[in-house]
Amino acid sequence: MKQYDLIADWYPSDRGRSVGVQEALRAVASLPRGSRILDLGCGNGFPITNALLNAGYHVVGLDSSERMLERFRANLPITPVVRGDSRACPFADGSFDGAISWGMVFHLTTCDQANAFASVARVLKPGAPFLFTAGEVPGLDGDDPGITGTMNGVTFNYYAVSDYRSFVTRFGFELVDTSIDPGENTYFFARKAA
């Protein structure tokens, strides 16, 4: 997203070093250390990619923001990262044991979310966990942003789906659980069908 290029320098000052970490680690806790995890919308690599690496997982980052990826490469120079589009993940089928997507899905229209979920499902192994943050607003599906907001003076669109349980089922996932953190981020924990 071009907007993240505009806030790449500011972004670390607005994000704590622990936002989403506990939830991400919990989502992949059933996987053995060394498992391959896709961090979808990895940004600058902090805090989630870094926490997964420190927990012993092999992480590959994917993001579309060139400037955020510059920071990722500076922060985590030996961790693989790819500039790409979540709607067409540039990885082989079944190449990941799990996936995390914090703070990215809700920037996509419903149609683009569908493409991203299909793409993620393709690159995950059967039974793989998938944790994502998003917005669920009954009756709000489509390409009209439910909410707009600003970060450091840059406007972002946020899109909601009315029911993620039925939405993710279309792409071979089972929605296992949802939770909300103190910062009002909604986490959806899904698992690819075995």
N, C-alpha and C. Protein backbone atom coordinates (compact mmCIF):
# COMPACT_ATOMS: atom_id res chain seq x y z
N MET A 1 0.83 -1.19 0.00
CA MET A 1 0.00 0.00 0.00
C MET A 1 0.87 1.25 0.00
N LYS A 2 0.51 2.17 -0.83
CA LYS A 2 1.27 3.41 -0.92
C LYS A 2 1.22 4.20 0.39
N GLN A 3 0.11 4.09 1.11
CA GLN A 3 -0.01 4.85 2.36
C GLN A 3 1.07 4.45 3.37
N TYR A 4 1.40 3.17 3.41
CA TYR A 4 2.42 2.73 4.37
C TYR A 4 3.81 3.23 3.97
N ASP A 5 4.04 3.45 2.68
CA ASP A 5 5.30 4.08 2.28
C ASP A 5 5.41 5.47 2.89
N LEU A 6 4.28 6.17 2.98
CA LEU A 6 4.27 7.54 3.50
C LEU A 6 4.48 7.63 5.01
N ILE A 7 4.20 6.55 5.72
CA ILE A 7 4.34 6.60 7.19
C ILE A 7 5.42 5.66 7.73
N ALA A 8 6.24 5.13 6.85
CA ALA A 8 7.23 4.13 7.25
C ALA A 8 8.17 4.63 8.34
N ASP A 9 8.60 5.88 8.27
CA ASP A 9 9.51 6.42 9.29
C ASP A 9 8.79 6.63 10.63
N TRP A 10 7.56 7.06 10.56
CA TRP A 10 6.78 7.35 11.76
C TRP A 10 6.24 6.10 12.45
N TYR A 11 5.91 5.07 11.68
CA TYR A 11 5.18 3.90 12.15
C TYR A 11 5.76 3.26 13.42
N PRO A 12 7.07 3.03 13.52
CA PRO A 12 7.60 2.39 14.74
C PRO A 12 7.32 3.18 16.01
N SER A 13 7.23 4.49 15.91
CA SER A 13 6.99 5.29 17.11
C SER A 13 5.56 5.17 17.60
N ASP A 14 4.65 4.68 16.75
CA ASP A 14 3.24 4.56 17.12
C ASP A 14 2.89 3.15 17.59
N ARG A 15 3.73 2.19 17.34
CA ARG A 15 3.44 0.80 17.68
C ARG A 15 4.32 0.35 18.83
N GLY A 16 3.71 -0.27 19.80
CA GLY A 16 4.46 -0.83 20.91
C GLY A 16 5.22 -2.06 20.48
N ARG A 17 6.06 -2.52 21.33
CA ARG A 17 6.88 -3.70 21.03
C ARG A 17 6.16 -5.01 21.35
N SER A 18 4.88 -4.93 21.76
CA SER A 18 4.19 -6.16 22.12
C SER A 18 2.82 -6.33 21.47
N VAL A 19 2.35 -5.36 20.70
CA VAL A 19 1.01 -5.44 20.12
C VAL A 19 0.91 -6.64 19.19
N GLY A 20 -0.01 -7.54 19.49
CA GLY A 20 -0.25 -8.72 18.67
C GLY A 20 0.68 -9.89 18.91
N VAL A 21 1.73 -9.69 19.68
CA VAL A 21 2.74 -10.74 19.88
C VAL A 21 2.15 -11.95 20.60
N GLN A 22 1.49 -11.72 21.71
CA GLN A 22 0.93 -12.83 22.50
C GLN A 22 -0.05 -13.65 21.65
N GLU A 23 -0.89 -12.96 20.90
CA GLU A 23 -1.87 -13.66 20.06
C GLU A 23 -1.19 -14.45 18.94
N ALA A 24 -0.17 -13.87 18.32
CA ALA A 24 0.55 -14.56 17.25
C ALA A 24 1.25 -15.81 17.78
N LEU A 25 1.91 -15.68 18.91
CA LEU A 25 2.61 -16.83 19.49
C LEU A 25 1.63 -17.92 19.92
N ARG A 26 0.50 -17.53 20.45
CA ARG A 26 -0.53 -18.49 20.83
C ARG A 26 -1.07 -19.23 19.59
N ALA A 27 -1.23 -18.51 18.50
CA ALA A 27 -1.78 -19.10 17.28
C ALA A 27 -0.90 -20.21 16.72
N VAL A 28 0.41 -20.08 16.86
CA VAL A 28 1.33 -21.07 16.28
C VAL A 28 1.94 -22.00 17.33
N ALA A 29 1.49 -21.90 18.56
CA ALA A 29 2.08 -22.67 19.65
C ALA A 29 2.03 -24.18 19.43
N SER A 30 1.06 -24.68 18.68
CA SER A 30 0.95 -26.12 18.43
C SER A 30 1.96 -26.61 17.40
N LEU A 31 2.62 -25.68 16.72
CA LEU A 31 3.59 -26.06 15.69
C LEU A 31 4.98 -26.25 16.30
N PRO A 32 5.73 -27.22 15.80
CA PRO A 32 7.10 -27.38 16.32
C PRO A 32 7.99 -26.22 15.91
N ARG A 33 8.99 -25.93 16.73
CA ARG A 33 9.97 -24.90 16.39
C ARG A 33 10.61 -25.27 15.07
N GLY A 34 10.92 -24.28 14.26
CA GLY A 34 11.46 -24.52 12.93
C GLY A 34 10.40 -24.56 11.85
N SER A 35 9.12 -24.55 12.26
CA SER A 35 8.03 -24.52 11.27
C SER A 35 8.10 -23.23 10.47
N ARG A 36 7.63 -23.30 9.23
CA ARG A 36 7.64 -22.13 8.33
C ARG A 36 6.35 -21.34 8.51
N ILE A 37 6.50 -20.07 8.90
CA ILE A 37 5.37 -19.18 9.14
C ILE A 37 5.44 -18.03 8.13
N LEU A 38 4.31 -17.73 7.50
CA LEU A 38 4.20 -16.58 6.61
C LEU A 38 3.65 -15.41 7.41
N ASP A 39 4.40 -14.31 7.44
CA ASP A 39 3.92 -13.08 8.06
C ASP A 39 3.42 -12.18 6.93
N LEU A 40 2.12 -12.18 6.75
CA LEU A 40 1.44 -11.51 5.65
C LEU A 40 1.15 -10.06 6.04
N GLY A 41 1.80 -9.12 5.36
CA GLY A 41 1.72 -7.71 5.76
C GLY A 41 2.69 -7.47 6.90
N CYS A 42 3.91 -7.94 6.74
CA CYS A 42 4.91 -7.96 7.82
C CYS A 42 5.43 -6.57 8.20
N GLY A 43 5.24 -5.58 7.34
CA GLY A 43 5.71 -4.23 7.66
C GLY A 43 7.20 -4.21 7.91
N ASN A 44 7.60 -3.56 9.01
CA ASN A 44 9.02 -3.41 9.32
C ASN A 44 9.60 -4.58 10.12
N GLY A 45 8.77 -5.61 10.36
CA GLY A 45 9.26 -6.80 11.07
C GLY A 45 9.09 -6.77 12.56
N PHE A 46 8.65 -5.64 13.11
CA PHE A 46 8.46 -5.52 14.56
C PHE A 46 7.02 -5.17 14.87
N PRO A 47 6.46 -5.77 15.87
CA PRO A 47 7.07 -6.73 16.78
C PRO A 47 6.84 -8.20 16.42
N ILE A 48 5.92 -8.50 15.49
CA ILE A 48 5.47 -9.88 15.33
C ILE A 48 6.51 -10.78 14.67
N THR A 49 7.07 -10.40 13.53
CA THR A 49 8.07 -11.26 12.89
C THR A 49 9.22 -11.53 13.85
N ASN A 50 9.69 -10.50 14.52
CA ASN A 50 10.79 -10.64 15.46
C ASN A 50 10.45 -11.62 16.58
N ALA A 51 9.24 -11.53 17.12
CA ALA A 51 8.82 -12.43 18.20
C ALA A 51 8.75 -13.88 17.72
N LEU A 52 8.24 -14.09 16.52
CA LEU A 52 8.18 -15.45 15.97
C LEU A 52 9.57 -16.02 15.75
N LEU A 53 10.49 -15.20 15.26
CA LEU A 53 11.88 -15.64 15.07
C LEU A 53 12.50 -16.01 16.42
N ASN A 54 12.30 -15.17 17.42
CA ASN A 54 12.86 -15.43 18.75
C ASN A 54 12.28 -16.68 19.39
N ALA A 55 11.06 -17.06 18.97
CA ALA A 55 10.44 -18.27 19.49
C ALA A 55 10.89 -19.52 18.73
N GLY A 56 11.74 -19.34 17.72
CA GLY A 56 12.32 -20.49 17.02
C GLY A 56 11.67 -20.87 15.72
N TYR A 57 10.79 -20.04 15.19
CA TYR A 57 10.13 -20.34 13.93
C TYR A 57 10.93 -19.77 12.76
N HIS A 58 10.76 -20.38 11.60
CA HIS A 58 11.35 -19.86 10.36
C HIS A 58 10.27 -18.99 9.73
N VAL A 59 10.50 -17.69 9.64
CA VAL A 59 9.49 -16.75 9.18
C VAL A 59 9.90 -16.16 7.84
N VAL A 60 8.90 -16.03 6.96
CA VAL A 60 9.08 -15.34 5.69
C VAL A 60 8.07 -14.19 5.69
N GLY A 61 8.55 -12.98 5.45
CA GLY A 61 7.67 -11.82 5.41
C GLY A 61 7.20 -11.52 4.00
N LEU A 62 5.98 -10.99 3.91
CA LEU A 62 5.42 -10.54 2.64
C LEU A 62 4.74 -9.20 2.87
N ASP A 63 5.09 -8.21 2.07
CA ASP A 63 4.48 -6.89 2.20
C ASP A 63 4.56 -6.19 0.85
N SER A 64 3.66 -5.24 0.63
CA SER A 64 3.67 -4.50 -0.64
C SER A 64 4.33 -3.14 -0.53
N SER A 65 4.66 -2.70 0.68
CA SER A 65 5.25 -1.38 0.88
C SER A 65 6.77 -1.44 0.79
N GLU A 66 7.32 -0.81 -0.22
CA GLU A 66 8.77 -0.80 -0.40
C GLU A 66 9.50 -0.17 0.78
N ARG A 67 8.97 0.92 1.29
CA ARG A 67 9.66 1.62 2.40
C ARG A 67 9.58 0.83 3.70
N MET A 68 8.45 0.15 3.94
CA MET A 68 8.38 -0.70 5.13
C MET A 68 9.35 -1.86 5.00
N LEU A 69 9.50 -2.40 3.79
CA LEU A 69 10.42 -3.50 3.60
C LEU A 69 11.88 -3.07 3.74
N GLU A 70 12.19 -1.82 3.40
CA GLU A 70 13.54 -1.31 3.66
C GLU A 70 13.85 -1.38 5.15
N ARG A 71 12.87 -1.00 5.96
CA ARG A 71 13.05 -1.06 7.41
C ARG A 71 13.12 -2.49 7.91
N PHE A 72 12.32 -3.38 7.31
CA PHE A 72 12.35 -4.80 7.66
C PHE A 72 13.77 -5.34 7.44
N ARG A 73 14.31 -5.07 6.25
CA ARG A 73 15.65 -5.58 5.92
C ARG A 73 16.72 -5.01 6.84
N ALA A 74 16.55 -3.76 7.29
CA ALA A 74 17.50 -3.18 8.23
C ALA A 74 17.34 -3.81 9.62
N ASN A 75 16.10 -4.06 10.02
CA ASN A 75 15.82 -4.63 11.35
C ASN A 75 16.18 -6.10 11.45
N LEU A 76 15.89 -6.86 10.39
CA LEU A 76 16.05 -8.32 10.40
C LEU A 76 16.78 -8.75 9.12
N PRO A 77 18.06 -8.42 9.00
CA PRO A 77 18.77 -8.57 7.72
C PRO A 77 18.90 -9.99 7.20
N ILE A 78 18.80 -11.00 8.03
CA ILE A 78 18.95 -12.37 7.50
C ILE A 78 17.61 -13.09 7.36
N THR A 79 16.52 -12.40 7.64
CA THR A 79 15.18 -13.00 7.52
C THR A 79 14.64 -12.76 6.11
N PRO A 80 14.17 -13.83 5.45
CA PRO A 80 13.66 -13.66 4.09
C PRO A 80 12.38 -12.81 4.07
N VAL A 81 12.32 -11.91 3.12
CA VAL A 81 11.14 -11.05 2.96
C VAL A 81 10.96 -10.80 1.46
N VAL A 82 9.71 -10.74 1.06
CA VAL A 82 9.37 -10.59 -0.35
C VAL A 82 8.41 -9.42 -0.51
N ARG A 83 8.67 -8.60 -1.50
CA ARG A 83 7.69 -7.56 -1.84
C ARG A 83 6.68 -8.20 -2.77
N GLY A 84 5.43 -8.23 -2.33
CA GLY A 84 4.41 -8.88 -3.13
C GLY A 84 3.02 -8.53 -2.64
N ASP A 85 2.06 -9.11 -3.29
CA ASP A 85 0.65 -8.83 -3.07
C ASP A 85 0.00 -10.04 -2.42
N SER A 86 -0.69 -9.81 -1.32
CA SER A 86 -1.34 -10.90 -0.60
C SER A 86 -2.43 -11.57 -1.43
N ARG A 87 -2.93 -10.89 -2.43
CA ARG A 87 -3.97 -11.47 -3.28
C ARG A 87 -3.42 -12.49 -4.26
N ALA A 88 -2.10 -12.55 -4.37
CA ALA A 88 -1.43 -13.50 -5.25
C ALA A 88 -0.08 -13.85 -4.62
N CYS A 89 -0.12 -14.57 -3.49
CA CYS A 89 1.11 -14.91 -2.76
C CYS A 89 2.09 -15.62 -3.68
N PRO A 90 3.32 -15.10 -3.78
CA PRO A 90 4.30 -15.64 -4.72
C PRO A 90 5.09 -16.84 -4.16
N PHE A 91 4.34 -17.82 -3.62
CA PHE A 91 4.98 -18.99 -3.02
C PHE A 91 4.31 -20.25 -3.55
N ALA A 92 5.01 -21.36 -3.41
CA ALA A 92 4.49 -22.65 -3.88
C ALA A 92 3.32 -23.11 -3.02
N ASP A 93 2.47 -23.92 -3.61
CA ASP A 93 1.34 -24.51 -2.89
C ASP A 93 1.85 -25.28 -1.67
N GLY A 94 1.16 -25.14 -0.55
CA GLY A 94 1.46 -25.92 0.64
C GLY A 94 2.84 -25.69 1.23
N SER A 95 3.40 -24.49 1.06
CA SER A 95 4.78 -24.26 1.50
C SER A 95 4.90 -23.71 2.92
N PHE A 96 3.78 -23.42 3.60
CA PHE A 96 3.84 -22.86 4.95
C PHE A 96 3.03 -23.68 5.94
N ASP A 97 3.55 -23.73 7.18
CA ASP A 97 2.89 -24.45 8.27
C ASP A 97 1.89 -23.58 9.01
N GLY A 98 1.96 -22.27 8.82
CA GLY A 98 1.04 -21.35 9.46
C GLY A 98 1.20 -19.96 8.88
N ALA A 99 0.24 -19.09 9.19
CA ALA A 99 0.31 -17.71 8.68
C ALA A 99 -0.28 -16.76 9.71
N ILE A 100 0.30 -15.57 9.77
CA ILE A 100 -0.16 -14.49 10.63
C ILE A 100 -0.35 -13.26 9.74
N SER A 101 -1.45 -12.55 9.96
CA SER A 101 -1.66 -11.30 9.24
C SER A 101 -2.26 -10.29 10.21
N TRP A 102 -1.39 -9.46 10.77
CA TRP A 102 -1.83 -8.45 11.74
C TRP A 102 -1.88 -7.09 11.05
N GLY A 103 -3.05 -6.46 11.09
CA GLY A 103 -3.18 -5.09 10.60
C GLY A 103 -3.16 -4.92 9.10
N MET A 104 -3.52 -5.96 8.34
CA MET A 104 -3.48 -5.84 6.89
C MET A 104 -4.81 -6.13 6.22
N VAL A 105 -5.47 -7.21 6.60
CA VAL A 105 -6.66 -7.68 5.90
C VAL A 105 -7.72 -6.60 5.78
N PHE A 106 -7.94 -5.83 6.83
CA PHE A 106 -9.03 -4.84 6.82
C PHE A 106 -8.78 -3.67 5.88
N HIS A 107 -7.60 -3.57 5.29
CA HIS A 107 -7.35 -2.53 4.29
C HIS A 107 -7.82 -2.97 2.89
N LEU A 108 -8.23 -4.22 2.75
CA LEU A 108 -8.65 -4.76 1.46
C LEU A 108 -10.17 -4.75 1.33
N THR A 109 -10.65 -4.46 0.12
CA THR A 109 -12.09 -4.57 -0.13
C THR A 109 -12.52 -6.02 0.08
N THR A 110 -13.80 -6.26 0.19
CA THR A 110 -14.29 -7.63 0.37
C THR A 110 -13.83 -8.54 -0.76
N CYS A 111 -13.88 -8.05 -1.98
CA CYS A 111 -13.42 -8.84 -3.13
C CYS A 111 -11.93 -9.15 -3.00
N ASP A 112 -11.14 -8.16 -2.61
CA ASP A 112 -9.70 -8.38 -2.45
C ASP A 112 -9.40 -9.28 -1.26
N GLN A 113 -10.20 -9.18 -0.20
CA GLN A 113 -10.03 -10.10 0.92
C GLN A 113 -10.28 -11.53 0.46
N ALA A 114 -11.29 -11.73 -0.37
CA ALA A 114 -11.57 -13.07 -0.89
C ALA A 114 -10.37 -13.61 -1.66
N ASN A 115 -9.78 -12.78 -2.50
CA ASN A 115 -8.59 -13.20 -3.25
C ASN A 115 -7.42 -13.50 -2.33
N ALA A 116 -7.24 -12.69 -1.29
CA ALA A 116 -6.15 -12.92 -0.34
C ALA A 116 -6.35 -14.22 0.43
N PHE A 117 -7.58 -14.48 0.89
CA PHE A 117 -7.84 -15.73 1.61
C PHE A 117 -7.63 -16.94 0.72
N ALA A 118 -8.05 -16.85 -0.53
CA ALA A 118 -7.83 -17.96 -1.47
C ALA A 118 -6.33 -18.18 -1.68
N SER A 119 -5.58 -17.11 -1.77
CA SER A 119 -4.14 -17.20 -1.98
C SER A 119 -3.43 -17.77 -0.76
N VAL A 120 -3.83 -17.32 0.42
CA VAL A 120 -3.24 -17.84 1.66
C VAL A 120 -3.58 -19.32 1.81
N ALA A 121 -4.83 -19.69 1.54
CA ALA A 121 -5.23 -21.10 1.64
C ALA A 121 -4.37 -21.97 0.73
N ARG A 122 -4.04 -21.47 -0.44
CA ARG A 122 -3.23 -22.23 -1.40
C ARG A 122 -1.83 -22.50 -0.86
N VAL A 123 -1.21 -21.53 -0.18
CA VAL A 123 0.18 -21.70 0.26
C VAL A 123 0.31 -22.38 1.62
N LEU A 124 -0.82 -22.59 2.31
CA LEU A 124 -0.77 -23.26 3.62
C LEU A 124 -0.96 -24.76 3.47
N LYS A 125 -0.32 -25.49 4.36
CA LYS A 125 -0.51 -26.94 4.45
C LYS A 125 -1.84 -27.23 5.13
N PRO A 126 -2.42 -28.40 4.88
CA PRO A 126 -3.65 -28.76 5.59
C PRO A 126 -3.45 -28.72 7.10
N GLY A 127 -4.44 -28.19 7.80
CA GLY A 127 -4.39 -28.09 9.26
C GLY A 127 -3.65 -26.88 9.78
N ALA A 128 -3.06 -26.08 8.88
CA ALA A 128 -2.25 -24.93 9.29
C ALA A 128 -3.09 -23.85 9.96
N PRO A 129 -2.57 -23.26 11.05
CA PRO A 129 -3.26 -22.14 11.68
C PRO A 129 -3.08 -20.85 10.88
N PHE A 130 -4.10 -20.00 10.93
CA PHE A 130 -4.06 -18.69 10.27
C PHE A 130 -4.72 -17.69 11.21
N LEU A 131 -3.93 -16.76 11.71
CA LEU A 131 -4.44 -15.70 12.58
C LEU A 131 -4.43 -14.40 11.80
N PHE A 132 -5.57 -13.71 11.79
CA PHE A 132 -5.65 -12.42 11.12
C PHE A 132 -6.48 -11.45 11.95
N THR A 133 -6.19 -10.17 11.78
CA THR A 133 -7.02 -9.14 12.40
C THR A 133 -7.88 -8.53 11.32
N ALA A 134 -9.10 -8.23 11.67
CA ALA A 134 -10.03 -7.68 10.69
C ALA A 134 -11.23 -7.08 11.42
N GLY A 135 -12.15 -6.56 10.63
CA GLY A 135 -13.37 -5.99 11.18
C GLY A 135 -14.58 -6.77 10.72
N GLU A 136 -15.47 -7.04 11.66
CA GLU A 136 -16.70 -7.75 11.35
C GLU A 136 -17.86 -6.85 11.75
N VAL A 137 -18.64 -6.41 10.75
CA VAL A 137 -19.78 -5.54 11.01
C VAL A 137 -20.99 -6.14 10.29
N PRO A 138 -21.98 -6.65 11.04
CA PRO A 138 -23.15 -7.25 10.40
C PRO A 138 -23.76 -6.31 9.36
N GLY A 139 -24.05 -6.89 8.19
CA GLY A 139 -24.68 -6.13 7.11
C GLY A 139 -23.73 -5.29 6.27
N LEU A 140 -22.43 -5.33 6.58
CA LEU A 140 -21.48 -4.50 5.83
C LEU A 140 -20.50 -5.39 5.08
N ASP A 141 -20.83 -5.66 3.83
CA ASP A 141 -19.95 -6.37 2.91
C ASP A 141 -19.87 -5.54 1.65
N GLY A 142 -18.79 -5.64 0.96
CA GLY A 142 -18.69 -4.93 -0.31
C GLY A 142 -17.43 -4.11 -0.40
N ASP A 143 -17.47 -3.15 -1.30
CA ASP A 143 -16.28 -2.37 -1.57
C ASP A 143 -16.37 -0.94 -1.06
N ASP A 144 -17.41 -0.63 -0.31
CA ASP A 144 -17.50 0.67 0.35
C ASP A 144 -16.78 0.57 1.68
N PRO A 145 -15.82 1.46 1.95
CA PRO A 145 -15.14 1.37 3.24
C PRO A 145 -16.11 1.63 4.37
N GLY A 146 -16.07 0.77 5.35
CA GLY A 146 -16.92 0.98 6.51
C GLY A 146 -16.40 2.14 7.34
N ILE A 147 -15.10 2.30 7.34
CA ILE A 147 -14.47 3.31 8.19
C ILE A 147 -13.27 3.87 7.43
N THR A 148 -13.02 5.15 7.60
CA THR A 148 -11.74 5.72 7.17
C THR A 148 -11.09 6.28 8.41
N GLY A 149 -9.79 6.31 8.40
CA GLY A 149 -9.05 6.85 9.54
C GLY A 149 -7.73 7.39 9.06
N THR A 150 -7.03 8.06 9.96
CA THR A 150 -5.73 8.59 9.60
C THR A 150 -4.65 8.09 10.55
N MET A 151 -3.48 7.89 10.00
CA MET A 151 -2.28 7.62 10.78
C MET A 151 -1.25 8.63 10.32
N ASN A 152 -0.78 9.42 11.23
CA ASN A 152 0.22 10.45 10.95
C ASN A 152 -0.17 11.32 9.76
N GLY A 153 -1.47 11.66 9.69
CA GLY A 153 -1.97 12.54 8.65
C GLY A 153 -2.28 11.87 7.32
N VAL A 154 -2.10 10.56 7.21
CA VAL A 154 -2.36 9.83 5.97
C VAL A 154 -3.68 9.06 6.14
N THR A 155 -4.58 9.20 5.17
CA THR A 155 -5.89 8.56 5.24
C THR A 155 -5.83 7.11 4.76
N PHE A 156 -6.47 6.23 5.54
CA PHE A 156 -6.57 4.81 5.22
C PHE A 156 -8.03 4.40 5.18
N ASN A 157 -8.37 3.47 4.30
CA ASN A 157 -9.70 2.87 4.27
C ASN A 157 -9.66 1.55 5.02
N TYR A 158 -10.76 1.25 5.69
CA TYR A 158 -10.92 0.00 6.42
C TYR A 158 -12.22 -0.65 5.97
N TYR A 159 -12.17 -1.92 5.62
CA TYR A 159 -13.33 -2.63 5.10
C TYR A 159 -13.70 -3.76 6.06
N ALA A 160 -14.98 -3.98 6.22
CA ALA A 160 -15.47 -5.02 7.11
C ALA A 160 -16.24 -6.07 6.33
N VAL A 161 -16.29 -7.25 6.90
CA VAL A 161 -17.10 -8.35 6.38
C VAL A 161 -18.18 -8.61 7.44
N SER A 162 -19.37 -8.95 7.00
CA SER A 162 -20.47 -9.10 7.96
C SER A 162 -20.34 -10.36 8.81
N ASP A 163 -19.71 -11.43 8.30
CA ASP A 163 -19.61 -12.68 9.06
C ASP A 163 -18.39 -13.47 8.57
N TYR A 164 -17.30 -13.42 9.33
CA TYR A 164 -16.09 -14.12 8.90
C TYR A 164 -16.22 -15.63 8.97
N ARG A 165 -17.08 -16.14 9.85
CA ARG A 165 -17.23 -17.59 9.94
C ARG A 165 -17.63 -18.17 8.58
N SER A 166 -18.65 -17.60 7.95
CA SER A 166 -19.06 -18.11 6.64
C SER A 166 -18.10 -17.67 5.54
N PHE A 167 -17.51 -16.49 5.69
CA PHE A 167 -16.59 -15.97 4.68
C PHE A 167 -15.38 -16.88 4.52
N VAL A 168 -14.71 -17.23 5.62
CA VAL A 168 -13.49 -18.04 5.52
C VAL A 168 -13.78 -19.49 5.13
N THR A 169 -14.97 -19.97 5.44
CA THR A 169 -15.34 -21.34 5.07
C THR A 169 -15.27 -21.53 3.56
N ARG A 170 -15.62 -20.50 2.81
CA ARG A 170 -15.57 -20.58 1.34
C ARG A 170 -14.17 -20.90 0.83
N PHE A 171 -13.14 -20.60 1.63
CA PHE A 171 -11.76 -20.78 1.18
C PHE A 171 -11.06 -21.93 1.89
N GLY A 172 -11.85 -22.80 2.51
CA GLY A 172 -11.29 -24.00 3.11
C GLY A 172 -10.75 -23.81 4.52
N PHE A 173 -11.21 -22.77 5.21
CA PHE A 173 -10.80 -22.55 6.59
C PHE A 173 -11.97 -22.81 7.53
N GLU A 174 -11.63 -23.16 8.76
CA GLU A 174 -12.61 -23.22 9.84
C GLU A 174 -12.24 -22.12 10.82
N LEU A 175 -13.19 -21.27 11.15
CA LEU A 175 -12.95 -20.23 12.15
C LEU A 175 -13.07 -20.87 13.52
N VAL A 176 -11.98 -20.88 14.28
CA VAL A 176 -11.91 -21.57 15.55
C VAL A 176 -12.28 -20.65 16.71
N ASP A 177 -11.80 -19.40 16.68
CA ASP A 177 -12.00 -18.52 17.82
C ASP A 177 -11.81 -17.07 17.41
N THR A 178 -12.35 -16.16 18.20
CA THR A 178 -12.10 -14.74 18.03
C THR A 178 -11.79 -14.15 19.40
N SER A 179 -11.04 -13.06 19.39
CA SER A 179 -10.76 -12.35 20.64
C SER A 179 -10.47 -10.88 20.31
N ILE A 180 -10.54 -10.07 21.34
CA ILE A 180 -10.27 -8.64 21.20
C ILE A 180 -9.24 -8.25 22.25
N ASP A 181 -8.19 -7.52 21.82
CA ASP A 181 -7.17 -7.10 22.78
C ASP A 181 -7.55 -5.74 23.38
N PRO A 182 -6.80 -5.28 24.38
CA PRO A 182 -7.14 -4.00 25.03
C PRO A 182 -7.15 -2.80 24.07
N GLY A 183 -6.44 -2.90 22.94
CA GLY A 183 -6.43 -1.81 21.97
C GLY A 183 -7.56 -1.91 20.96
N GLU A 184 -8.49 -2.83 21.20
CA GLU A 184 -9.66 -3.04 20.35
C GLU A 184 -9.35 -3.69 19.00
N ASN A 185 -8.24 -4.40 18.90
CA ASN A 185 -7.95 -5.18 17.70
C ASN A 185 -8.70 -6.50 17.79
N THR A 186 -9.43 -6.87 16.74
CA THR A 186 -10.16 -8.14 16.74
C THR A 186 -9.34 -9.18 16.01
N TYR A 187 -9.08 -10.30 16.70
CA TYR A 187 -8.29 -11.40 16.16
C TYR A 187 -9.21 -12.54 15.78
N PHE A 188 -8.99 -13.08 14.60
CA PHE A 188 -9.73 -14.23 14.12
C PHE A 188 -8.74 -15.38 13.95
N PHE A 189 -8.96 -16.46 14.70
CA PHE A 189 -8.07 -17.62 14.61
C PHE A 189 -8.77 -18.69 13.77
N ALA A 190 -8.19 -19.01 12.63
CA ALA A 190 -8.75 -20.00 11.73
C ALA A 190 -7.74 -21.12 11.51
N ARG A 191 -8.20 -22.19 10.96
CA ARG A 191 -7.33 -23.31 10.62
C ARG A 191 -7.74 -23.84 9.25
N LYS A 192 -6.75 -24.10 8.38
CA LYS A 192 -7.07 -24.66 7.08
C LYS A 192 -7.57 -26.09 7.27
N ALA A 193 -8.61 -26.43 6.56
CA ALA A 193 -9.17 -27.77 6.67
C ALA A 193 -8.12 -28.81 6.35
N ALA A 194 -8.16 -29.91 7.11
CA ALA A 194 -7.18 -30.99 6.92
C ALA A 194 -7.49 -31.78 5.66
